Amino acid sequence: MKPVYLKIEEIRERKGVTKTHISKKCDKTVAWYHGISTGKRVPNVESLQMIADALEVDIRDFFDQ
């Protein structure tokens, strides 16, 4: 099972979305998203939903199905 942060990054890169774009859409700092994107920060459900919204995907896409 692939870690959630790697799945998020895979989707982000595939869509051509920048880390800055996600952090702005979530009204958070780039450092906040950097922590998530490197696996150093574990996002809660609310944060995962904000990231999913910023990427225009379903939150379930972050988990292996």
N, C-alpha and C. Protein backbone atom coordinates (compact mmCIF):
# COMPACT_ATOMS: atom_id res chain seq x y z
N MET A 1 0.84 -1.18 0.00
CA MET A 1 0.00 0.00 0.00
C MET A 1 0.89 1.24 0.00
N LYS A 2 0.64 2.13 -0.94
CA LYS A 2 1.42 3.35 -1.09
C LYS A 2 0.99 4.37 -0.03
N PRO A 3 1.95 5.02 0.64
CA PRO A 3 1.60 6.05 1.62
C PRO A 3 0.75 7.16 0.99
N VAL A 4 -0.13 7.73 1.78
CA VAL A 4 -1.05 8.76 1.30
C VAL A 4 -0.29 9.94 0.70
N TYR A 5 0.77 10.38 1.36
CA TYR A 5 1.48 11.56 0.85
C TYR A 5 2.07 11.30 -0.54
N LEU A 6 2.50 10.08 -0.81
CA LEU A 6 3.02 9.77 -2.14
C LEU A 6 1.91 9.75 -3.18
N LYS A 7 0.76 9.27 -2.79
CA LYS A 7 -0.40 9.25 -3.69
C LYS A 7 -0.83 10.69 -4.01
N ILE A 8 -0.84 11.55 -3.01
CA ILE A 8 -1.19 12.96 -3.23
C ILE A 8 -0.21 13.59 -4.20
N GLU A 9 1.07 13.36 -3.99
CA GLU A 9 2.10 13.93 -4.87
C GLU A 9 1.99 13.39 -6.29
N GLU A 10 1.69 12.12 -6.42
CA GLU A 10 1.52 11.51 -7.73
C GLU A 10 0.38 12.19 -8.49
N ILE A 11 -0.74 12.41 -7.82
CA ILE A 11 -1.90 13.07 -8.43
C ILE A 11 -1.56 14.52 -8.76
N ARG A 12 -0.89 15.21 -7.83
CA ARG A 12 -0.54 16.61 -8.04
C ARG A 12 0.35 16.77 -9.27
N GLU A 13 1.36 15.93 -9.38
CA GLU A 13 2.29 16.01 -10.50
C GLU A 13 1.59 15.66 -11.81
N ARG A 14 0.74 14.65 -11.79
CA ARG A 14 0.01 14.24 -12.99
C ARG A 14 -0.88 15.37 -13.51
N LYS A 15 -1.45 16.13 -12.58
CA LYS A 15 -2.34 17.23 -12.95
C LYS A 15 -1.57 18.52 -13.26
N GLY A 16 -0.28 18.54 -12.98
CA GLY A 16 0.53 19.73 -13.25
C GLY A 16 0.23 20.89 -12.30
N VAL A 17 -0.16 20.55 -11.09
CA VAL A 17 -0.50 21.56 -10.08
C VAL A 17 0.72 21.80 -9.19
N THR A 18 0.99 23.05 -8.88
CA THR A 18 2.15 23.35 -8.03
C THR A 18 1.80 23.22 -6.55
N LYS A 19 2.83 23.05 -5.75
CA LYS A 19 2.65 22.99 -4.30
C LYS A 19 2.12 24.33 -3.79
N THR A 20 2.57 25.41 -4.40
CA THR A 20 2.11 26.74 -4.01
C THR A 20 0.62 26.89 -4.27
N HIS A 21 0.16 26.38 -5.40
CA HIS A 21 -1.28 26.44 -5.74
C HIS A 21 -2.11 25.73 -4.68
N ILE A 22 -1.67 24.55 -4.28
CA ILE A 22 -2.42 23.80 -3.27
C ILE A 22 -2.43 24.54 -1.95
N SER A 23 -1.28 25.04 -1.53
CA SER A 23 -1.23 25.74 -0.24
C SER A 23 -2.11 26.98 -0.25
N LYS A 24 -2.14 27.71 -1.37
CA LYS A 24 -3.00 28.90 -1.46
C LYS A 24 -4.47 28.52 -1.43
N LYS A 25 -4.84 27.47 -2.17
CA LYS A 25 -6.23 27.02 -2.19
C LYS A 25 -6.70 26.56 -0.82
N CYS A 26 -5.77 26.03 -0.03
CA CYS A 26 -6.08 25.54 1.31
C CYS A 26 -5.93 26.64 2.36
N ASP A 27 -5.51 27.82 1.94
CA ASP A 27 -5.26 28.94 2.85
C ASP A 27 -4.24 28.57 3.92
N LYS A 28 -3.18 27.90 3.47
CA LYS A 28 -2.10 27.46 4.35
C LYS A 28 -0.77 27.92 3.77
N THR A 29 0.29 27.72 4.51
CA THR A 29 1.63 28.10 4.03
C THR A 29 2.19 27.00 3.14
N VAL A 30 3.17 27.38 2.34
CA VAL A 30 3.85 26.39 1.51
C VAL A 30 4.58 25.39 2.41
N ALA A 31 5.09 25.85 3.53
CA ALA A 31 5.77 24.95 4.47
C ALA A 31 4.82 23.88 4.99
N TRP A 32 3.56 24.26 5.22
CA TRP A 32 2.54 23.29 5.66
C TRP A 32 2.41 22.18 4.62
N TYR A 33 2.24 22.58 3.35
CA TYR A 33 2.08 21.55 2.31
C TYR A 33 3.38 20.78 2.10
N HIS A 34 4.51 21.44 2.20
CA HIS A 34 5.80 20.74 2.04
C HIS A 34 5.92 19.62 3.08
N GLY A 35 5.50 19.90 4.31
CA GLY A 35 5.54 18.87 5.35
C GLY A 35 4.69 17.66 4.98
N ILE A 36 3.53 17.92 4.41
CA ILE A 36 2.64 16.83 3.98
C ILE A 36 3.26 16.09 2.80
N SER A 37 3.77 16.84 1.83
CA SER A 37 4.28 16.22 0.60
C SER A 37 5.52 15.38 0.82
N THR A 38 6.21 15.60 1.92
CA THR A 38 7.41 14.81 2.22
C THR A 38 7.15 13.73 3.28
N GLY A 39 5.92 13.68 3.78
CA GLY A 39 5.58 12.67 4.78
C GLY A 39 5.98 13.05 6.19
N LYS A 40 6.47 14.27 6.41
CA LYS A 40 6.87 14.70 7.74
C LYS A 40 5.69 15.17 8.58
N ARG A 41 4.61 15.55 7.89
CA ARG A 41 3.39 15.99 8.57
C ARG A 41 2.27 15.07 8.11
N VAL A 42 1.53 14.54 9.07
CA VAL A 42 0.40 13.66 8.75
C VAL A 42 -0.87 14.52 8.73
N PRO A 43 -1.50 14.62 7.56
CA PRO A 43 -2.70 15.46 7.47
C PRO A 43 -3.91 14.81 8.14
N ASN A 44 -4.75 15.64 8.75
CA ASN A 44 -6.00 15.12 9.30
C ASN A 44 -7.03 15.06 8.17
N VAL A 45 -8.21 14.57 8.46
CA VAL A 45 -9.24 14.40 7.44
C VAL A 45 -9.62 15.74 6.81
N GLU A 46 -9.71 16.78 7.60
CA GLU A 46 -10.05 18.10 7.09
C GLU A 46 -9.00 18.58 6.08
N SER A 47 -7.74 18.39 6.42
CA SER A 47 -6.65 18.79 5.51
C SER A 47 -6.68 17.97 4.23
N LEU A 48 -6.92 16.67 4.36
CA LEU A 48 -7.01 15.82 3.17
C LEU A 48 -8.14 16.28 2.26
N GLN A 49 -9.26 16.68 2.84
CA GLN A 49 -10.39 17.15 2.04
C GLN A 49 -10.04 18.45 1.33
N MET A 50 -9.35 19.35 2.02
CA MET A 50 -8.95 20.61 1.40
C MET A 50 -8.00 20.35 0.22
N ILE A 51 -7.07 19.43 0.40
CA ILE A 51 -6.13 19.09 -0.68
C ILE A 51 -6.87 18.45 -1.84
N ALA A 52 -7.80 17.55 -1.53
CA ALA A 52 -8.60 16.92 -2.59
C ALA A 52 -9.39 17.97 -3.37
N ASP A 53 -9.96 18.92 -2.68
CA ASP A 53 -10.70 19.99 -3.34
C ASP A 53 -9.78 20.82 -4.23
N ALA A 54 -8.58 21.13 -3.73
CA ALA A 54 -7.62 21.91 -4.50
C ALA A 54 -7.19 21.17 -5.77
N LEU A 55 -7.12 19.84 -5.68
CA LEU A 55 -6.72 19.02 -6.82
C LEU A 55 -7.92 18.61 -7.69
N GLU A 56 -9.11 18.95 -7.20
CA GLU A 56 -10.35 18.59 -7.90
C GLU A 56 -10.47 17.08 -8.10
N VAL A 57 -10.22 16.35 -6.99
CA VAL A 57 -10.38 14.90 -6.99
C VAL A 57 -11.19 14.50 -5.77
N ASP A 58 -11.62 13.27 -5.76
CA ASP A 58 -12.31 12.71 -4.60
C ASP A 58 -11.26 12.30 -3.57
N ILE A 59 -11.52 12.53 -2.32
CA ILE A 59 -10.56 12.20 -1.25
C ILE A 59 -10.18 10.72 -1.29
N ARG A 60 -11.09 9.88 -1.76
CA ARG A 60 -10.81 8.44 -1.84
C ARG A 60 -9.69 8.12 -2.81
N ASP A 61 -9.38 9.05 -3.73
CA ASP A 61 -8.31 8.83 -4.68
C ASP A 61 -6.94 8.78 -4.01
N PHE A 62 -6.86 9.26 -2.78
CA PHE A 62 -5.59 9.25 -2.04
C PHE A 62 -5.28 7.89 -1.42
N PHE A 63 -6.24 7.00 -1.47
CA PHE A 63 -6.08 5.69 -0.84
C PHE A 63 -6.16 4.59 -1.90
N ASP A 64 -5.35 3.56 -1.72
CA ASP A 64 -5.40 2.43 -2.65
C ASP A 64 -6.76 1.78 -2.61
N GLN A 65 -7.22 1.43 -3.79
CA GLN A 65 -8.58 0.87 -3.87
C GLN A 65 -8.57 -0.52 -4.43
